[in-house]
N, C-alpha and C. Protein backbone atom coordinates (compact mmCIF):
# COMPACT_ATOMS: atom_id res chain seq x y z
N UNK A 1 54.18 15.73 130.34
CA UNK A 1 54.00 17.13 129.50
C UNK A 1 55.26 17.59 129.94
N UNK A 2 56.14 18.08 128.82
CA UNK A 2 57.47 18.42 129.02
C UNK A 2 57.65 19.73 129.21
N UNK A 3 56.61 20.61 129.53
CA UNK A 3 56.79 21.96 130.01
C UNK A 3 55.56 21.91 131.02
N UNK A 4 55.82 23.20 131.89
CA UNK A 4 54.95 23.06 133.17
C UNK A 4 53.41 23.06 132.76
N UNK A 5 52.73 22.84 133.58
CA UNK A 5 51.25 23.12 133.43
C UNK A 5 50.90 24.82 133.28
N UNK A 6 49.85 24.98 132.30
CA UNK A 6 49.42 26.47 132.48
C UNK A 6 50.29 26.88 131.07
N UNK A 7 51.38 26.30 130.48
CA UNK A 7 52.14 26.90 129.37
C UNK A 7 51.36 26.94 128.22
N UNK A 8 51.40 27.83 127.62
CA UNK A 8 50.69 28.06 126.26
C UNK A 8 51.72 27.78 125.20
N UNK A 9 51.94 26.83 124.35
CA UNK A 9 52.77 26.42 123.36
C UNK A 9 53.34 27.44 122.64
N UNK A 10 52.14 27.98 121.71
CA UNK A 10 52.48 29.09 120.81
C UNK A 10 53.22 30.31 121.35
N UNK A 11 52.74 30.64 122.35
CA UNK A 11 53.53 31.64 123.45
C UNK A 11 54.98 31.37 123.47
N UNK A 12 55.12 30.05 124.04
CA UNK A 12 56.47 29.48 124.34
C UNK A 12 57.39 29.74 122.99
N UNK A 13 56.85 29.28 121.82
CA UNK A 13 57.69 29.65 120.66
C UNK A 13 57.87 30.87 120.23
N UNK A 14 56.85 31.71 120.63
CA UNK A 14 56.98 33.06 120.10
C UNK A 14 58.01 33.79 121.12
N UNK A 15 58.04 33.36 122.35
CA UNK A 15 59.24 33.77 123.42
C UNK A 15 60.43 33.49 122.70
N UNK A 16 60.64 32.14 122.11
CA UNK A 16 61.94 31.82 121.67
C UNK A 16 62.27 32.60 120.21
N UNK A 17 61.20 32.97 119.69
CA UNK A 17 61.47 33.83 118.50
C UNK A 17 62.08 35.13 118.99
N UNK A 18 61.45 35.71 119.97
CA UNK A 18 61.77 37.01 120.14
C UNK A 18 63.50 36.92 120.90
N UNK A 19 63.78 35.77 121.44
CA UNK A 19 65.06 35.55 121.99
C UNK A 19 66.07 35.33 120.94
N UNK A 20 65.50 34.95 119.74
CA UNK A 20 66.54 34.56 118.70
C UNK A 20 66.61 35.67 117.62
N UNK A 21 65.58 36.16 117.24
CA UNK A 21 65.42 37.42 116.14
C UNK A 21 65.72 38.87 116.76
N UNK A 22 64.88 39.33 117.62
CA UNK A 22 65.17 40.77 117.99
C UNK A 22 66.52 41.10 118.57
N UNK A 23 66.89 40.10 119.40
CA UNK A 23 68.28 40.00 120.20
C UNK A 23 69.44 39.99 119.35
N UNK A 24 69.17 39.37 118.02
CA UNK A 24 70.28 39.33 116.98
C UNK A 24 70.31 40.65 116.43
N UNK A 25 69.33 41.62 116.56
CA UNK A 25 69.50 43.03 115.97
C UNK A 25 70.44 43.57 116.89
N UNK A 26 70.36 43.30 118.22
CA UNK A 26 71.13 44.02 119.26
C UNK A 26 72.56 43.40 119.39
N UNK A 27 72.57 42.10 119.24
CA UNK A 27 74.14 41.77 119.43
C UNK A 27 74.34 40.76 118.16
N UNK A 28 75.60 40.35 118.10
CA UNK A 28 76.14 39.56 116.91
C UNK A 28 76.21 38.23 117.87
N UNK A 29 75.37 37.23 117.66
CA UNK A 29 75.46 36.06 118.67
C UNK A 29 76.25 35.02 117.78
N UNK A 30 76.82 34.72 118.37
CA UNK A 30 77.67 33.24 117.83
C UNK A 30 77.63 32.14 118.73
N UNK A 31 76.95 31.08 118.13
CA UNK A 31 76.74 29.70 119.01
C UNK A 31 77.89 28.62 118.51
N UNK A 32 78.76 28.48 119.38
CA UNK A 32 79.60 27.16 119.25
C UNK A 32 79.09 25.93 120.07
N UNK A 33 78.94 24.83 119.12
CA UNK A 33 78.37 23.59 119.98
C UNK A 33 77.13 23.28 119.97
N UNK A 34 76.44 23.97 118.98
CA UNK A 34 74.85 23.64 119.30
C UNK A 34 74.46 22.08 118.85
N UNK A 35 75.38 21.53 118.19
CA UNK A 35 75.43 19.90 118.09
C UNK A 35 75.44 19.15 119.24
N UNK A 36 75.77 19.60 120.28
CA UNK A 36 76.06 19.09 121.29
C UNK A 36 74.91 18.82 122.31
N UNK A 37 73.76 19.73 122.06
CA UNK A 37 72.70 19.70 122.71
C UNK A 37 71.55 18.33 122.34
N UNK A 38 71.54 17.60 123.57
CA UNK A 38 70.71 16.19 123.33
C UNK A 38 69.32 16.70 122.80
N UNK A 39 68.73 15.98 121.62
CA UNK A 39 67.73 16.28 121.19
C UNK A 39 66.53 15.73 121.72
N UNK A 40 66.76 14.71 122.60
CA UNK A 40 65.73 14.14 123.29
C UNK A 40 65.82 13.76 124.98
N UNK A 41 64.92 13.42 125.76
CA UNK A 41 65.38 13.23 127.00
C UNK A 41 65.35 14.11 127.82
N UNK A 42 65.57 13.98 129.32
CA UNK A 42 65.67 15.27 130.22
C UNK A 42 67.09 15.70 130.34
N UNK A 43 67.21 16.90 130.45
CA UNK A 43 68.42 17.66 130.43
C UNK A 43 68.24 18.69 131.41
N UNK A 44 69.45 19.07 132.42
CA UNK A 44 69.61 20.15 133.06
C UNK A 44 70.86 21.14 132.30
N UNK A 45 70.20 22.18 131.81
CA UNK A 45 71.07 23.18 131.30
C UNK A 45 71.58 24.18 132.67
N UNK A 46 72.93 24.05 132.73
CA UNK A 46 73.46 25.07 133.83
C UNK A 46 74.47 26.07 132.98
N UNK A 47 74.36 27.38 133.26
CA UNK A 47 74.83 28.29 132.58
C UNK A 47 75.19 29.66 133.38
N UNK A 48 76.33 30.36 133.01
CA UNK A 48 76.81 31.44 133.95
C UNK A 48 75.95 32.50 133.56
N UNK A 49 75.93 33.34 134.26
CA UNK A 49 74.76 34.59 134.18
C UNK A 49 75.61 35.99 134.48
N UNK A 50 75.61 36.77 133.28
CA UNK A 50 76.33 37.86 133.45
C UNK A 50 75.38 38.97 133.19
N UNK A 51 74.40 39.10 132.64
CA UNK A 51 73.33 39.97 132.64
C UNK A 51 72.00 39.58 132.36
N UNK A 52 71.07 40.52 132.37
CA UNK A 52 69.69 39.82 132.22
C UNK A 52 69.31 39.51 130.79
N UNK A 53 70.29 39.85 129.90
CA UNK A 53 70.12 39.29 128.37
C UNK A 53 70.41 38.07 128.22
N UNK A 54 71.20 37.26 129.05
CA UNK A 54 71.66 35.96 128.84
C UNK A 54 70.28 35.01 128.78
N UNK A 55 69.61 34.99 129.71
CA UNK A 55 68.35 34.10 129.80
C UNK A 55 67.85 34.19 128.19
N UNK A 56 66.89 35.23 127.71
CA UNK A 56 66.47 35.39 126.52
C UNK A 56 67.27 34.83 125.37
N UNK A 57 68.51 35.16 125.33
CA UNK A 57 69.54 34.64 124.32
C UNK A 57 69.50 33.27 124.29
N UNK A 58 69.79 32.66 125.66
CA UNK A 58 69.65 31.20 125.57
C UNK A 58 68.27 30.35 125.16
N UNK A 59 67.23 31.09 125.66
CA UNK A 59 66.00 30.61 125.51
C UNK A 59 65.68 30.71 124.00
N UNK A 60 66.24 31.46 123.09
CA UNK A 60 66.14 31.46 121.92
C UNK A 60 66.89 30.65 120.90
N UNK A 61 67.99 30.86 121.23
CA UNK A 61 69.40 29.88 120.44
C UNK A 61 69.45 28.35 120.58
N UNK A 62 68.91 28.03 121.76
CA UNK A 62 68.81 26.47 121.86
C UNK A 62 67.71 26.05 121.23
N UNK A 63 67.97 24.59 120.57
CA UNK A 63 67.24 23.98 119.53
C UNK A 63 66.05 23.23 120.32
N UNK A 64 65.86 23.27 121.80
CA UNK A 64 64.66 22.66 122.35
C UNK A 64 64.07 23.66 123.23
N UNK A 65 62.83 23.46 123.53
CA UNK A 65 62.14 24.27 124.45
C UNK A 65 62.89 24.26 125.86
N UNK A 66 63.27 25.32 126.78
CA UNK A 66 63.74 25.18 127.72
C UNK A 66 62.91 26.09 128.75
N UNK A 67 62.65 25.46 129.97
CA UNK A 67 61.97 26.07 131.40
C UNK A 67 63.02 26.42 132.01
N UNK A 68 63.27 27.57 132.31
CA UNK A 68 64.15 28.13 133.16
C UNK A 68 63.75 28.40 134.72
N UNK A 69 64.27 28.37 135.64
CA UNK A 69 64.22 28.66 136.99
C UNK A 69 64.36 30.08 137.10
N UNK A 70 63.50 31.05 137.33
CA UNK A 70 63.62 32.44 137.32
C UNK A 70 63.48 33.05 138.79
N UNK A 71 64.10 34.03 139.45
CA UNK A 71 63.74 34.53 140.59
C UNK A 71 62.32 35.13 140.49
N UNK A 72 61.85 34.74 141.83
CA UNK A 72 60.28 34.81 142.07
C UNK A 72 60.05 36.62 141.81
N UNK A 73 60.80 37.33 141.99
CA UNK A 73 60.61 38.74 142.06
C UNK A 73 60.03 39.22 140.43
N UNK A 74 60.55 38.36 139.46
CA UNK A 74 60.23 38.86 138.00
C UNK A 74 58.70 38.53 137.82
N UNK A 75 58.17 37.61 138.45
CA UNK A 75 56.80 37.16 138.39
C UNK A 75 55.85 38.26 138.86
N UNK A 76 55.73 39.48 138.23
CA UNK A 76 54.87 40.50 138.73
C UNK A 76 54.30 41.12 137.46
N UNK A 77 53.01 41.40 137.60
CA UNK A 77 52.41 42.22 136.66
C UNK A 77 52.22 41.39 135.23
N UNK A 78 52.16 42.15 134.20
CA UNK A 78 52.23 41.52 132.91
C UNK A 78 53.35 40.66 132.68
N UNK A 79 54.68 41.11 132.84
CA UNK A 79 55.66 40.42 132.59
C UNK A 79 55.61 38.83 133.45
N UNK A 80 55.25 38.87 134.55
CA UNK A 80 55.18 37.80 135.25
C UNK A 80 54.06 36.81 134.79
N UNK A 81 52.92 37.47 134.35
CA UNK A 81 52.02 36.52 133.63
C UNK A 81 52.37 35.99 132.18
N UNK A 82 53.16 36.70 131.68
CA UNK A 82 53.83 36.11 130.23
C UNK A 82 54.70 35.09 130.63
N UNK A 83 55.54 35.22 131.53
CA UNK A 83 56.56 34.37 131.98
C UNK A 83 55.95 33.16 132.34
N UNK A 84 54.93 32.88 133.25
CA UNK A 84 54.37 31.74 133.31
C UNK A 84 53.80 30.99 132.01
N UNK A 85 53.02 32.05 131.15
CA UNK A 85 52.62 31.51 130.17
C UNK A 85 53.72 30.87 129.06
N UNK A 86 54.69 31.26 129.04
CA UNK A 86 55.86 30.76 128.18
C UNK A 86 56.74 29.64 128.91
N UNK A 87 56.15 29.08 129.88
CA UNK A 87 56.76 28.13 130.55
C UNK A 87 58.06 27.90 131.63
N UNK A 88 57.98 29.31 132.16
CA UNK A 88 59.14 29.51 132.93
C UNK A 88 58.48 29.31 134.48
N UNK A 89 59.32 29.01 135.43
CA UNK A 89 59.14 28.61 136.75
C UNK A 89 59.76 29.59 137.88
N UNK A 90 58.99 30.23 138.56
CA UNK A 90 59.45 31.17 139.77
C UNK A 90 60.31 30.36 140.59
N UNK A 91 61.17 30.87 141.33
CA UNK A 91 61.98 30.11 142.57
C UNK A 91 62.34 31.20 143.42
N UNK A 92 62.13 30.85 144.63
CA UNK A 92 62.60 31.75 145.79
C UNK A 92 64.12 31.61 145.92
N UNK A 93 64.80 32.71 146.24
CA UNK A 93 65.98 32.72 146.22
C UNK A 93 66.66 32.50 147.71
N UNK A 94 67.71 32.03 147.95
CA UNK A 94 68.38 31.87 149.41
C UNK A 94 67.26 30.74 150.11
N UNK A 95 66.74 29.84 149.49
CA UNK A 95 66.08 28.82 150.17
C UNK A 95 65.88 27.60 149.22
N UNK A 96 65.66 26.51 149.84
CA UNK A 96 65.11 25.36 149.11
C UNK A 96 63.84 25.32 148.85
N UNK A 97 63.33 25.81 147.39
CA UNK A 97 62.24 25.97 147.06
C UNK A 97 61.63 24.73 146.40
N UNK A 98 60.77 24.01 147.49
CA UNK A 98 60.44 22.90 147.20
C UNK A 98 59.21 22.74 145.96
N UNK A 99 58.42 23.88 145.90
CA UNK A 99 57.55 23.87 144.81
C UNK A 99 58.03 24.10 143.67
N UNK A 100 58.99 24.92 143.39
CA UNK A 100 59.96 25.05 142.17
C UNK A 100 60.44 23.70 141.67
N UNK A 101 61.18 23.19 142.87
CA UNK A 101 62.08 21.83 142.26
C UNK A 101 60.92 20.91 141.92
N UNK A 102 59.88 20.87 142.56
CA UNK A 102 58.92 19.65 142.18
C UNK A 102 58.55 20.04 140.88
N UNK A 103 58.00 21.29 140.30
CA UNK A 103 57.65 21.53 139.01
C UNK A 103 58.74 21.33 138.06
N UNK A 104 60.04 21.55 138.47
CA UNK A 104 61.33 21.34 137.66
C UNK A 104 61.33 19.65 137.41
N UNK A 105 61.29 19.20 138.45
CA UNK A 105 61.59 17.42 138.44
C UNK A 105 60.43 17.04 137.29
N UNK A 106 59.18 17.40 137.43
CA UNK A 106 57.97 16.85 136.63
C UNK A 106 58.38 17.04 135.00
N UNK A 107 59.03 18.25 134.76
CA UNK A 107 59.52 18.72 133.36
C UNK A 107 60.39 17.54 132.94
N UNK A 108 61.48 17.24 133.72
CA UNK A 108 62.66 16.41 133.52
C UNK A 108 62.00 15.30 133.31
N UNK A 109 61.39 14.53 134.16
CA UNK A 109 60.68 13.14 133.96
C UNK A 109 60.07 13.06 133.09
N UNK A 110 59.43 13.80 132.37
CA UNK A 110 58.65 13.95 131.02
C UNK A 110 59.36 14.25 129.79
N UNK A 111 60.64 14.21 130.42
CA UNK A 111 61.64 14.21 128.77
C UNK A 111 62.01 15.85 128.65
N UNK A 112 61.68 16.80 129.29
CA UNK A 112 61.67 18.26 129.00
C UNK A 112 63.29 18.79 129.28
N UNK A 113 63.44 19.99 129.26
CA UNK A 113 64.83 20.62 129.47
C UNK A 113 64.40 21.79 130.68
N UNK A 114 65.40 21.60 131.47
CA UNK A 114 65.30 22.76 132.58
C UNK A 114 66.40 23.34 132.59
N UNK A 115 66.10 25.01 132.62
CA UNK A 115 67.62 25.69 132.59
C UNK A 115 67.86 26.41 134.20
N UNK A 116 69.02 26.27 134.59
CA UNK A 116 69.58 26.82 135.66
C UNK A 116 70.75 27.78 135.74
N UNK A 117 70.68 29.05 136.50
CA UNK A 117 71.75 29.86 136.32
C UNK A 117 72.44 29.63 137.80
N UNK A 118 73.15 28.79 138.18
CA UNK A 118 73.36 28.36 139.61
C UNK A 118 74.15 29.43 140.50
N UNK A 119 74.73 30.46 139.92
CA UNK A 119 75.30 31.37 140.70
C UNK A 119 74.56 32.73 140.73
N UNK A 120 73.52 32.87 140.09
CA UNK A 120 72.67 34.00 140.12
C UNK A 120 73.35 35.18 139.04
N UNK A 121 73.17 36.46 139.19
CA UNK A 121 73.50 37.30 138.54
C UNK A 121 74.58 38.33 139.25
N UNK A 122 75.98 37.96 139.07
CA UNK A 122 76.99 38.84 139.79
C UNK A 122 77.93 39.20 138.98
N UNK A 123 78.32 40.27 138.76
CA UNK A 123 79.46 40.79 137.86
C UNK A 123 79.45 40.28 136.44
N UNK A 124 80.67 39.55 136.33
CA UNK A 124 80.94 39.08 134.87
C UNK A 124 80.36 37.47 135.01
N UNK A 125 79.65 36.94 135.92
CA UNK A 125 79.08 35.64 135.73
C UNK A 125 80.24 34.90 136.44
N UNK A 126 80.64 35.01 137.58
CA UNK A 126 81.66 34.08 138.32
C UNK A 126 80.68 32.85 138.73
N UNK A 127 81.46 31.68 138.63
CA UNK A 127 80.83 30.32 138.81
C UNK A 127 81.22 29.64 140.18
N UNK A 128 82.07 30.39 140.86
CA UNK A 128 82.50 29.79 142.00
C UNK A 128 81.62 29.22 143.04
N UNK A 129 80.48 29.76 143.10
CA UNK A 129 79.63 29.33 144.23
C UNK A 129 78.64 28.75 143.70
N UNK A 130 78.43 28.02 142.85
CA UNK A 130 77.31 27.31 142.06
C UNK A 130 76.70 26.33 143.01
N UNK A 131 75.26 26.48 143.28
CA UNK A 131 74.65 25.74 144.32
C UNK A 131 74.06 24.58 143.79
N UNK A 132 73.73 23.52 144.80
CA UNK A 132 73.47 22.19 144.51
C UNK A 132 72.03 21.81 143.90
N UNK A 133 71.22 23.04 143.61
CA UNK A 133 69.75 22.95 143.04
C UNK A 133 69.90 21.86 141.86
N UNK A 134 70.96 22.44 140.83
CA UNK A 134 71.04 21.98 139.45
C UNK A 134 71.51 20.28 139.56
N UNK A 135 72.34 20.12 140.50
CA UNK A 135 72.96 18.61 140.74
C UNK A 135 71.90 17.87 141.33
N UNK A 136 70.90 18.30 142.37
CA UNK A 136 70.05 17.57 142.85
C UNK A 136 68.68 17.05 141.65
N UNK A 137 68.76 18.16 140.79
CA UNK A 137 67.66 18.02 139.68
C UNK A 137 68.05 17.04 138.94
N UNK A 138 69.23 16.75 138.41
CA UNK A 138 69.85 16.05 137.64
C UNK A 138 69.96 14.54 138.36
N UNK A 139 70.28 14.57 139.40
CA UNK A 139 70.65 13.24 140.07
C UNK A 139 69.24 12.52 140.07
N UNK A 140 68.36 13.35 140.76
CA UNK A 140 66.97 12.81 141.16
C UNK A 140 66.14 12.31 139.89
N UNK A 141 66.29 12.91 138.77
CA UNK A 141 65.80 12.61 137.51
C UNK A 141 66.22 11.78 136.61
N UNK A 142 67.66 11.52 136.72
CA UNK A 142 68.47 10.81 135.81
C UNK A 142 68.58 11.58 134.60
N UNK A 143 68.59 13.17 134.70
CA UNK A 143 68.69 13.72 133.27
C UNK A 143 70.06 14.12 133.29
N UNK A 144 70.75 14.22 131.93
CA UNK A 144 71.89 14.74 131.60
C UNK A 144 72.13 16.25 132.18
N UNK A 145 73.25 16.66 132.34
CA UNK A 145 73.81 17.85 132.77
C UNK A 145 74.49 18.59 131.28
N UNK A 146 73.88 19.69 130.88
CA UNK A 146 74.51 20.40 129.56
C UNK A 146 75.04 21.73 130.26
N UNK A 147 76.41 21.92 130.45
CA UNK A 147 76.84 23.12 130.62
C UNK A 147 76.93 24.30 129.41
N UNK A 148 76.53 25.34 129.57
CA UNK A 148 76.67 26.41 128.71
C UNK A 148 77.25 27.76 129.06
N UNK A 149 78.40 28.15 128.44
CA UNK A 149 78.92 29.40 128.87
C UNK A 149 78.52 30.71 127.87
N UNK A 150 78.37 31.86 128.39
CA UNK A 150 78.05 32.95 127.34
C UNK A 150 78.50 34.07 128.09
N UNK A 151 79.24 34.75 127.07
CA UNK A 151 79.95 35.92 127.48
C UNK A 151 79.83 37.23 126.30
N UNK A 152 79.80 38.36 126.67
CA UNK A 152 79.50 39.44 125.79
C UNK A 152 78.36 40.12 126.21
N UNK A 153 77.35 39.92 127.02
CA UNK A 153 76.17 40.65 127.48
C UNK A 153 76.77 41.66 128.56
N UNK A 154 77.48 41.41 129.22
CA UNK A 154 77.84 42.44 130.41
C UNK A 154 78.54 43.55 130.03
N UNK A 155 77.85 44.86 130.28
CA UNK A 155 78.18 46.02 130.20
C UNK A 155 78.71 46.07 128.68
N UNK A 156 77.74 45.46 127.83
CA UNK A 156 78.12 45.58 126.15
C UNK A 156 77.97 46.90 125.86
N UNK A 157 78.83 47.42 125.01
CA UNK A 157 78.96 48.81 124.42
C UNK A 157 79.35 48.80 122.87
N UNK A 158 79.14 49.57 122.25
CA UNK A 158 79.09 49.93 120.80
C UNK A 158 77.88 49.21 119.90
N UNK A 159 78.13 49.18 118.79
CA UNK A 159 77.18 48.64 117.76
C UNK A 159 77.09 47.01 117.63
N UNK A 160 75.96 46.38 118.09
CA UNK A 160 75.92 45.07 117.67
C UNK A 160 77.31 44.46 118.45
N UNK A 161 77.55 44.51 119.77
CA UNK A 161 78.84 43.86 120.23
C UNK A 161 78.51 42.21 120.18
N UNK A 162 79.62 41.65 120.03
CA UNK A 162 79.69 40.16 120.00
C UNK A 162 79.19 39.52 121.20
N UNK A 163 78.44 38.41 121.02
CA UNK A 163 78.09 37.65 122.30
C UNK A 163 78.37 36.10 121.85
N UNK A 164 79.18 35.35 122.67
CA UNK A 164 79.30 34.22 122.25
C UNK A 164 78.71 33.18 123.25
N UNK A 165 78.28 32.06 122.69
CA UNK A 165 77.56 31.03 123.41
C UNK A 165 78.43 29.84 123.01
N UNK A 166 78.90 29.00 124.30
CA UNK A 166 79.55 28.09 124.04
C UNK A 166 78.87 26.69 124.77
N UNK A 167 78.46 25.85 124.13
CA UNK A 167 77.77 24.60 124.39
C UNK A 167 78.60 23.58 124.76
N UNK A 168 78.75 23.02 126.11
CA UNK A 168 79.73 21.94 126.48
C UNK A 168 79.40 20.66 126.23
N UNK A 169 80.09 19.49 126.50
CA UNK A 169 79.51 18.28 126.51
C UNK A 169 78.75 17.96 127.42
N UNK A 170 77.46 17.37 126.97
CA UNK A 170 76.60 16.70 128.21
C UNK A 170 77.23 15.68 128.94
N UNK A 171 76.91 15.58 130.36
CA UNK A 171 77.25 14.59 131.12
C UNK A 171 76.46 13.92 132.09
N UNK A 172 76.49 12.86 132.54
CA UNK A 172 75.85 12.35 133.66
C UNK A 172 76.40 12.51 135.03
N UNK A 173 75.89 12.60 135.88
CA UNK A 173 76.44 12.78 137.20
C UNK A 173 76.61 11.46 137.90
N UNK A 174 77.74 11.19 138.64
CA UNK A 174 77.75 9.94 139.27
C UNK A 174 76.77 9.46 140.24
N UNK A 175 76.66 8.25 140.27
CA UNK A 175 75.62 7.34 141.45
C UNK A 175 76.07 8.01 142.82
N UNK A 176 74.92 7.55 143.54
CA UNK A 176 75.32 7.93 145.03
C UNK A 176 74.07 8.55 145.55
N UNK A 177 73.88 8.05 147.00
CA UNK A 177 72.86 9.04 147.93
C UNK A 177 73.57 9.63 148.75
N UNK A 178 72.56 10.74 149.14
CA UNK A 178 73.16 11.54 150.53
C UNK A 178 73.72 12.75 150.27
N UNK A 179 73.78 13.59 151.32
CA UNK A 179 74.59 14.79 151.33
C UNK A 179 75.96 14.82 150.66
N UNK A 180 76.81 13.81 151.08
CA UNK A 180 77.99 13.44 150.44
C UNK A 180 78.17 13.56 149.07
N UNK A 181 77.28 12.60 148.28
CA UNK A 181 77.23 12.41 146.98
C UNK A 181 76.57 13.52 146.24
N UNK A 182 75.76 14.36 146.93
CA UNK A 182 75.12 15.64 146.39
C UNK A 182 76.43 16.64 146.23
N UNK A 183 76.99 16.74 147.28
CA UNK A 183 78.25 17.51 147.43
C UNK A 183 79.31 17.27 146.17
N UNK A 184 79.48 16.10 146.20
CA UNK A 184 80.43 15.68 144.98
C UNK A 184 80.06 15.99 143.52
N UNK A 185 78.71 15.80 143.36
CA UNK A 185 77.82 15.99 142.04
C UNK A 185 77.83 17.73 142.03
N UNK A 186 77.49 18.26 142.98
CA UNK A 186 77.46 19.91 142.91
C UNK A 186 78.92 20.51 142.30
N UNK A 187 79.93 20.11 142.97
CA UNK A 187 81.30 20.32 142.76
C UNK A 187 81.70 19.87 140.98
N UNK A 188 81.37 18.88 140.67
CA UNK A 188 81.49 18.39 139.06
C UNK A 188 80.57 19.43 138.50
N UNK A 189 79.41 19.76 138.73
CA UNK A 189 78.47 20.61 137.80
C UNK A 189 79.34 22.21 137.89
N UNK A 190 79.84 22.57 138.96
CA UNK A 190 80.80 23.77 139.12
C UNK A 190 81.81 23.58 138.23
N UNK A 191 82.58 22.50 138.50
CA UNK A 191 83.87 22.60 137.53
C UNK A 191 83.66 22.59 136.56
N UNK A 192 82.75 21.58 135.86
CA UNK A 192 82.49 21.65 134.19
C UNK A 192 82.25 23.12 133.92
N UNK A 193 81.27 23.83 134.58
CA UNK A 193 80.88 25.20 133.96
C UNK A 193 82.06 26.26 134.17
N UNK A 194 82.76 26.13 135.23
CA UNK A 194 83.80 26.98 135.20
C UNK A 194 84.89 26.69 134.19
N UNK A 195 85.05 25.48 133.91
CA UNK A 195 86.05 25.22 132.89
C UNK A 195 85.49 25.63 131.50
N UNK A 196 84.28 25.58 131.25
CA UNK A 196 83.60 26.03 130.03
C UNK A 196 84.08 27.52 129.92
N UNK A 197 83.63 28.22 130.94
CA UNK A 197 83.57 29.58 130.84
C UNK A 197 84.99 30.24 130.69
N UNK A 198 86.02 29.37 131.37
CA UNK A 198 87.51 29.68 130.96
C UNK A 198 87.96 29.73 129.64
N UNK A 199 87.48 28.50 129.08
CA UNK A 199 87.51 28.02 127.68
C UNK A 199 86.97 29.21 126.61
N UNK A 200 85.78 29.68 127.12
CA UNK A 200 85.24 30.76 125.98
C UNK A 200 86.06 31.92 126.39
N UNK A 201 86.44 32.38 127.32
CA UNK A 201 87.07 33.61 127.65
C UNK A 201 88.51 33.67 127.09
N UNK A 202 89.14 32.45 126.90
CA UNK A 202 90.45 32.32 126.25
C UNK A 202 90.13 32.34 124.61
N UNK A 203 89.08 31.65 124.33
CA UNK A 203 88.82 31.91 122.61
C UNK A 203 88.42 33.24 122.40
N UNK A 204 87.80 34.18 123.20
CA UNK A 204 87.40 35.58 122.96
C UNK A 204 88.71 36.39 122.86
N UNK A 205 89.46 36.10 124.01
CA UNK A 205 90.94 36.67 124.12
C UNK A 205 91.87 36.49 122.63
N UNK A 206 91.65 35.12 122.30
CA UNK A 206 92.51 34.74 121.13
C UNK A 206 91.87 35.62 119.88
N UNK A 207 90.71 35.89 119.84
CA UNK A 207 89.88 36.54 118.65
C UNK A 207 90.27 37.87 118.59
N UNK A 208 90.54 38.45 119.98
CA UNK A 208 90.89 39.85 120.12
C UNK A 208 92.00 39.99 119.40
N UNK A 209 93.14 39.06 119.81
CA UNK A 209 94.44 39.46 119.58
C UNK A 209 94.73 39.02 118.06
N UNK A 210 93.56 38.57 117.09
CA UNK A 210 93.96 38.26 115.89
C UNK A 210 93.61 39.70 115.21
N UNK A 211 92.92 40.35 115.79
CA UNK A 211 92.22 41.61 114.99
C UNK A 211 93.26 42.67 114.97
């Protein structure tokens, strides 16, 4: 099963619709590189995280069902119940959460998509300290890594501000076992994501300059 156990498929798709349609009323969302998303097989999506809006937007605009690793604190009350039913996985921050990683690994091995925000939520979505969870998942499952940059949600002001989603080229991590190999893979993930965020920042600055 390419989504976690307990997922209700129609609720999952309703959640994607909410991320795609109502959010389009709040933001002018521009997606670049949608054709780069692999349409089959296991994929680990790694994205920068500027605000709470990033997750729902990516959840809605990507052409495949994505199971995100979300901080455990969000899984409380009605919201927490619904997050579980739409296929999301709670993860403990600041430690290696084996339960969450095992659930995510099962999704990947079944050909599903796992979404990770490696650096958490800090300011403008700095990616300098991406952690090794995404790299471990990709290396262990053999899944491809898909970097995605999102800009425009942080401290957004005005009427329907522009939000840009730039999807990078998918790639496989190098072979190798042990901590050293995982460290190399983690750096590759971090570098690809940081480069993509910088590329998107450059595009947005160019757009501003032409106005």
